[in-house]
Amino acid sequence: MTADGRPALRVDVSDGVAVVTIDNPPVNLFDLSLYPAMVRVSDELASDDGVRAVVLASANPDFFIAHFDVSLILSLPRDMGTPGTLTDFDRMCENFRTMPKPTIAAIDGRVGGGGSELTLACDMRFASPRAVFNQPEVALGILPGGGGTVRLPRLIGRNRAMEVVLGSEDIDAATAESWGWVNRVVADPLAHSVALARRIASFPPNAVREAKASVLRNDTGVEDALLAESGGFNRLLGDPRARTAMENFLARGGQTKEGELRLGELAVELGD
C-alpha cells in the first residue's frame, strides 16, 4: 500500500490479458509499497492459466518506475557475498521472463535502475517518443544489481551496454529503438501493447507457450550471470564511497520529481 493507503499497483484482466498498472506517487519508486506487490503479482500471473498475456504500464505519465529506493539500498547488509540462490528481485524479473505467456512493457516517461531492469526482463518493450531510459547505478557507486548487466548486453550489444552502464546517462526513446532496447516507439504504447497482447492471447495457448520456450532456449547462462552480478553488487555495498554517493544523491533531490527529472545532471554532481 502507498503512504495514503492505496495499492501501489492494480491488475485488470480482460480477454485473457492482465494489465498491471503501477501507481506509486510521486515517481513510482520500487519501495516497500511497490516492490513486495510486484513480487507477489509476478508469482500470481505466472501460475494463472486464465491469464494468457501480461502488460506492464504506469498511471504516471512522467515515470514508469524511477528506480529502486536508494534509502533501502543503503539499509542493506554490507557482507552478504555472492548468493547461492536468486534474490527476490531477480526471481521477480525471471518470472516475467520465463512465464509461459508473453510479457510486454508499455513505457511512457522515465524508467531507470531497477525499473529498467524489470522492463528488460519482459519479452517486449514499446515506448512513447517521450520515454527516457537510464541505468544510474555506477554514478551512485554500485552497479545494476537486478539483471541490468546481464540482460542489456544481450539486447543492445556489449559496446552500447558499456556506454549505458558506465556512462549512467539518459538514453532517449529514438536511440533506444535504434539500438534494439525497445521493439519500437509508438504514439500510445499502452494501446499498442494491449492490442498485441490480445492478438497473442487469442492464439492457441500451447503454441504460444512452446514458441516462447523455444526462443528462451537461446538465453543461456542467465541464472549464473545474475548470481555473479548480485555478488558484485553486494561487494560494492561495502565501499564507503558508494554510501557517500547514495547519501549525496538523496540530499541533492534524488527521489523527488524535480530531482529525478534532472537525474543526468545529478549523476555528474555526485562525482564532485
Protein backbone atom coordinates (compact mmCIF):
# COMPACT_ATOMS: atom_id res chain seq x y z
CA MET A 1 0.00 0.00 0.00
CA THR A 2 1.12 3.59 -0.67
CA ALA A 3 1.50 6.22 2.04
CA ASP A 4 -2.15 7.26 1.59
CA GLY A 5 -3.41 3.68 1.88
CA ARG A 6 -3.92 2.88 -1.82
CA PRO A 7 -2.50 -0.18 -3.59
CA ALA A 8 0.81 0.60 -5.33
CA LEU A 9 -0.39 -1.31 -8.37
CA ARG A 10 -3.58 -2.77 -9.73
CA VAL A 11 -4.28 -5.69 -12.03
CA ASP A 12 -7.15 -5.68 -14.52
CA VAL A 13 -7.86 -8.80 -16.57
CA SER A 14 -9.93 -8.76 -19.75
CA ASP A 15 -9.97 -11.15 -22.72
CA GLY A 16 -7.13 -13.12 -21.14
CA VAL A 17 -4.87 -10.05 -20.90
CA ALA A 18 -3.70 -8.82 -17.48
CA VAL A 19 -2.78 -5.13 -17.42
CA VAL A 20 -0.63 -4.33 -14.38
CA THR A 21 -0.80 -0.58 -13.71
CA ILE A 22 1.91 0.85 -11.44
CA ASP A 23 0.69 3.75 -9.32
CA ASN A 24 3.11 4.68 -6.55
CA PRO A 25 3.43 8.50 -6.43
CA PRO A 26 5.34 10.65 -6.81
CA VAL A 27 7.85 8.83 -9.05
CA ASN A 28 6.86 5.14 -8.87
CA LEU A 29 9.82 4.10 -6.76
CA PHE A 30 10.45 0.42 -6.20
CA ASP A 31 9.96 0.86 -2.45
CA LEU A 32 8.35 -1.16 0.33
CA SER A 33 4.92 -0.43 -1.17
CA LEU A 34 5.57 -1.33 -4.81
CA TYR A 35 8.34 -3.92 -4.57
CA PRO A 36 6.57 -6.62 -2.49
CA ALA A 37 3.40 -6.08 -4.51
CA MET A 38 5.24 -6.66 -7.79
CA VAL A 39 6.96 -9.77 -6.43
CA ARG A 40 3.58 -11.19 -5.41
CA VAL A 41 1.92 -10.28 -8.71
CA SER A 42 4.74 -11.87 -10.71
CA ASP A 43 4.14 -15.16 -8.88
CA GLU A 44 0.36 -14.97 -9.30
CA LEU A 45 0.43 -14.13 -13.01
CA ALA A 46 2.98 -16.83 -13.78
CA SER A 47 0.70 -19.53 -12.36
CA ASP A 48 -2.69 -18.18 -13.53
CA ASP A 49 -3.79 -20.20 -16.56
CA GLY A 50 -6.62 -17.74 -17.15
CA VAL A 51 -4.08 -15.04 -17.98
CA ARG A 52 -2.63 -15.54 -21.45
CA ALA A 53 -0.66 -12.30 -21.80
CA VAL A 54 0.64 -9.60 -19.44
CA VAL A 55 1.15 -5.87 -20.00
CA LEU A 56 3.02 -3.64 -17.52
CA ALA A 57 2.14 0.07 -17.57
CA SER A 58 2.19 3.16 -15.37
CA ALA A 59 -0.53 5.51 -14.18
CA ASN A 60 2.09 8.30 -14.05
CA PRO A 61 2.83 9.87 -17.46
CA ASP A 62 6.22 11.13 -16.24
CA PHE A 63 7.56 7.93 -14.69
CA PHE A 64 7.22 4.25 -15.49
CA ILE A 65 9.40 3.29 -12.50
CA ALA A 66 12.12 5.75 -11.49
CA HIS A 67 14.39 3.10 -9.90
CA PHE A 68 14.80 1.11 -6.69
CA ASP A 69 14.55 3.09 -3.46
CA VAL A 70 18.11 4.22 -2.67
CA SER A 71 17.32 4.55 1.04
CA LEU A 72 16.50 0.83 1.06
CA ILE A 73 19.77 0.03 -0.70
CA LEU A 74 21.60 1.99 2.00
CA SER A 75 19.95 -0.20 4.64
CA LEU A 76 21.14 -3.49 3.12
CA PRO A 77 23.83 -5.54 4.91
CA ARG A 78 27.32 -5.00 3.52
CA ASP A 79 28.77 -8.50 3.86
CA MET A 80 26.30 -10.73 2.04
CA GLY A 81 28.75 -12.12 -0.53
CA THR A 82 27.57 -13.92 -3.66
CA PRO A 83 24.16 -15.52 -3.10
CA GLY A 84 23.57 -19.20 -3.74
CA THR A 85 20.04 -18.61 -4.99
CA LEU A 86 18.37 -15.78 -6.88
CA THR A 87 17.35 -12.72 -4.89
CA ASP A 88 13.65 -11.90 -4.66
CA PHE A 89 14.19 -9.12 -7.20
CA ASP A 90 15.88 -11.47 -9.68
CA ARG A 91 13.20 -14.10 -9.11
CA MET A 92 10.52 -11.50 -9.81
CA CYS A 93 12.20 -10.47 -13.06
CA GLU A 94 12.75 -14.10 -14.04
CA ASN A 95 9.04 -14.73 -13.51
CA PHE A 96 8.27 -12.14 -16.19
CA ARG A 97 10.97 -13.53 -18.50
CA THR A 98 10.06 -17.19 -18.18
CA MET A 99 6.29 -17.35 -17.51
CA PRO A 100 4.62 -19.34 -20.34
CA LYS A 101 2.85 -16.29 -21.76
CA PRO A 102 4.06 -13.05 -23.36
CA THR A 103 5.03 -10.14 -21.13
CA ILE A 104 5.07 -6.62 -22.56
CA ALA A 105 6.21 -3.33 -21.01
CA ALA A 106 4.37 -0.20 -22.19
CA ILE A 107 6.79 2.59 -21.30
CA ASP A 108 5.99 6.28 -21.02
CA GLY A 109 8.11 8.83 -19.18
CA ARG A 110 11.30 7.90 -17.35
CA VAL A 111 12.37 4.38 -16.47
CA GLY A 112 15.65 3.71 -14.72
CA GLY A 113 17.59 1.43 -12.41
CA GLY A 114 15.51 -1.45 -11.09
CA GLY A 115 12.53 -0.23 -13.12
CA SER A 116 14.55 -0.53 -16.29
CA GLU A 117 15.74 -3.96 -15.19
CA LEU A 118 12.14 -5.11 -14.77
CA THR A 119 11.28 -4.00 -18.32
CA LEU A 120 14.42 -5.72 -19.65
CA ALA A 121 13.06 -9.00 -18.30
CA CYS A 122 9.86 -8.62 -20.33
CA ASP A 123 9.53 -10.26 -23.73
CA MET A 124 8.80 -6.97 -25.48
CA ARG A 125 9.02 -3.23 -24.78
CA PHE A 126 7.09 -0.47 -26.56
CA ALA A 127 7.86 3.16 -25.71
CA SER A 128 6.38 6.58 -26.32
CA PRO A 129 8.51 9.25 -28.04
CA ARG A 130 8.98 10.95 -24.65
CA ALA A 131 10.28 7.87 -22.84
CA VAL A 132 13.75 8.12 -21.25
CA PHE A 133 15.92 5.18 -20.15
CA ASN A 134 18.70 5.16 -17.57
CA GLN A 135 20.90 2.83 -15.54
CA PRO A 136 22.33 5.30 -12.98
CA GLU A 137 23.90 2.84 -10.55
CA VAL A 138 27.60 3.32 -11.33
CA ALA A 139 27.23 7.05 -10.63
CA LEU A 140 25.98 6.01 -7.19
CA GLY A 141 28.99 3.78 -6.55
CA ILE A 142 27.23 0.47 -7.20
CA LEU A 143 26.20 -1.49 -10.29
CA PRO A 144 22.88 -2.56 -11.80
CA GLY A 145 22.14 -5.44 -9.43
CA GLY A 146 18.82 -6.68 -10.82
CA GLY A 147 19.85 -8.02 -14.21
CA GLY A 148 20.92 -4.83 -15.98
CA THR A 149 24.44 -6.06 -16.75
CA VAL A 150 23.07 -9.46 -17.78
CA ARG A 151 20.10 -8.61 -19.99
CA LEU A 152 21.09 -5.28 -21.52
CA PRO A 153 24.19 -6.59 -23.39
CA ARG A 154 22.07 -9.39 -24.82
CA LEU A 155 19.66 -6.80 -26.21
CA ILE A 156 21.88 -3.98 -27.43
CA GLY A 157 25.38 -5.48 -27.59
CA ARG A 158 28.45 -5.20 -25.41
CA ASN A 159 29.68 -1.77 -26.53
CA ARG A 160 26.36 0.01 -26.16
CA ALA A 161 25.69 -1.69 -22.83
CA MET A 162 29.05 -0.36 -21.62
CA GLU A 163 28.01 3.15 -22.67
CA VAL A 164 24.71 2.87 -20.80
CA VAL A 165 26.03 1.20 -17.64
CA LEU A 166 29.33 3.03 -17.24
CA GLY A 167 28.11 6.38 -18.54
CA SER A 168 24.95 6.48 -16.37
CA GLU A 169 23.44 8.87 -18.94
CA ASP A 170 19.88 9.28 -20.15
CA ILE A 171 19.02 7.44 -23.37
CA ASP A 172 16.14 8.88 -25.41
CA ALA A 173 13.42 6.72 -26.94
CA ALA A 174 14.61 7.10 -30.54
CA THR A 175 18.10 5.94 -29.62
CA ALA A 176 16.71 3.07 -27.55
CA GLU A 177 14.66 1.96 -30.56
CA SER A 178 17.62 2.16 -32.94
CA TRP A 179 19.71 0.09 -30.51
CA GLY A 180 17.06 -2.59 -30.08
CA TRP A 181 16.44 -1.69 -26.43
CA VAL A 182 12.74 -1.32 -27.30
CA ASN A 183 10.82 -3.05 -30.06
CA ARG A 184 9.55 0.25 -31.41
CA VAL A 185 8.46 3.76 -30.47
CA VAL A 186 4.70 4.30 -30.82
CA ALA A 187 2.35 7.17 -30.04
CA ASP A 188 0.39 5.20 -27.43
CA PRO A 189 2.48 2.34 -26.01
CA LEU A 190 -0.29 1.06 -23.74
CA ALA A 191 -2.89 0.82 -26.51
CA HIS A 192 -0.33 -0.78 -28.83
CA SER A 193 0.78 -3.27 -26.17
CA VAL A 194 -2.75 -4.26 -25.18
CA ALA A 195 -3.77 -4.74 -28.82
CA LEU A 196 -0.77 -7.01 -29.44
CA ALA A 197 -1.36 -8.86 -26.15
CA ARG A 198 -5.00 -9.52 -27.10
CA ARG A 199 -3.95 -10.76 -30.53
CA ILE A 200 -1.46 -13.22 -29.00
CA ALA A 201 -3.94 -14.22 -26.27
CA SER A 202 -6.41 -15.25 -29.00
CA PHE A 203 -3.96 -17.85 -30.38
CA PRO A 204 -3.82 -21.45 -29.12
CA PRO A 205 -2.08 -21.17 -25.74
CA ASN A 206 0.02 -24.31 -26.15
CA ALA A 207 1.51 -22.89 -29.35
CA VAL A 208 2.33 -19.60 -27.60
CA ARG A 209 3.87 -21.47 -24.66
CA GLU A 210 6.06 -23.71 -26.81
CA ALA A 211 7.12 -20.86 -29.12
CA LYS A 212 8.19 -18.67 -26.21
CA ALA A 213 10.04 -21.58 -24.59
CA SER A 214 11.86 -22.25 -27.85
CA VAL A 215 13.01 -18.63 -28.14
CA LEU A 216 14.10 -18.62 -24.48
CA ARG A 217 16.40 -21.58 -25.07
CA ASN A 218 18.75 -19.07 -26.66
CA ASP A 219 19.09 -17.32 -23.27
CA THR A 220 21.88 -19.50 -21.92
CA GLY A 221 23.60 -18.92 -18.59
CA VAL A 222 21.20 -16.27 -17.32
CA GLU A 223 20.86 -17.52 -13.74
CA ASP A 224 24.62 -17.95 -13.22
CA ALA A 225 25.20 -14.44 -14.59
CA LEU A 226 22.53 -13.00 -12.29
CA LEU A 227 24.14 -14.62 -9.24
CA ALA A 228 27.57 -13.24 -10.22
CA GLU A 229 26.07 -9.78 -10.75
CA SER A 230 24.46 -9.93 -7.29
CA GLY A 231 27.85 -10.78 -5.82
CA GLY A 232 29.39 -7.69 -7.40
CA PHE A 233 26.52 -5.56 -6.16
CA ASN A 234 26.94 -6.91 -2.63
CA ARG A 235 30.67 -6.24 -2.64
CA LEU A 236 30.15 -2.63 -3.67
CA LEU A 237 27.75 -2.05 -0.78
CA GLY A 238 30.82 -2.22 1.48
CA ASP A 239 32.60 0.62 -0.36
CA PRO A 240 32.31 3.82 1.73
CA ARG A 241 32.41 5.90 -1.46
CA ALA A 242 29.23 4.20 -2.61
CA ARG A 243 27.47 5.10 0.60
CA THR A 244 28.61 8.72 0.26
CA ALA A 245 27.41 8.92 -3.35
CA MET A 246 24.00 7.49 -2.47
CA GLU A 247 23.61 9.82 0.51
CA ASN A 248 24.58 12.78 -1.70
CA PHE A 249 22.04 11.66 -4.27
CA LEU A 250 19.25 11.74 -1.70
CA ALA A 251 20.45 15.05 -0.21
CA ARG A 252 20.50 16.73 -3.65
CA GLY A 253 16.93 15.89 -4.52
CA GLY A 254 17.05 12.29 -5.65
CA GLN A 255 13.69 10.51 -5.42
CA THR A 256 11.79 13.78 -5.72
CA LYS A 257 10.06 14.52 -9.02
CA GLU A 258 12.25 17.56 -9.63
CA GLY A 259 15.47 15.71 -8.84
CA GLU A 260 14.58 12.67 -10.93
CA LEU A 261 13.82 14.79 -13.99
CA ARG A 262 17.40 16.08 -13.84
CA LEU A 263 18.94 12.73 -12.99
CA GLY A 264 21.64 13.05 -15.64
CA GLU A 265 22.90 16.30 -14.11
CA LEU A 266 22.64 14.83 -10.63
CA ALA A 267 24.82 11.88 -11.63
CA VAL A 268 27.59 14.26 -12.72
CA GLU A 269 27.35 16.20 -9.46
CA LEU A 270 27.80 13.02 -7.43
CA GLY A 271 31.32 12.75 -8.79
CA ASP A 272 32.33 16.02 -7.15
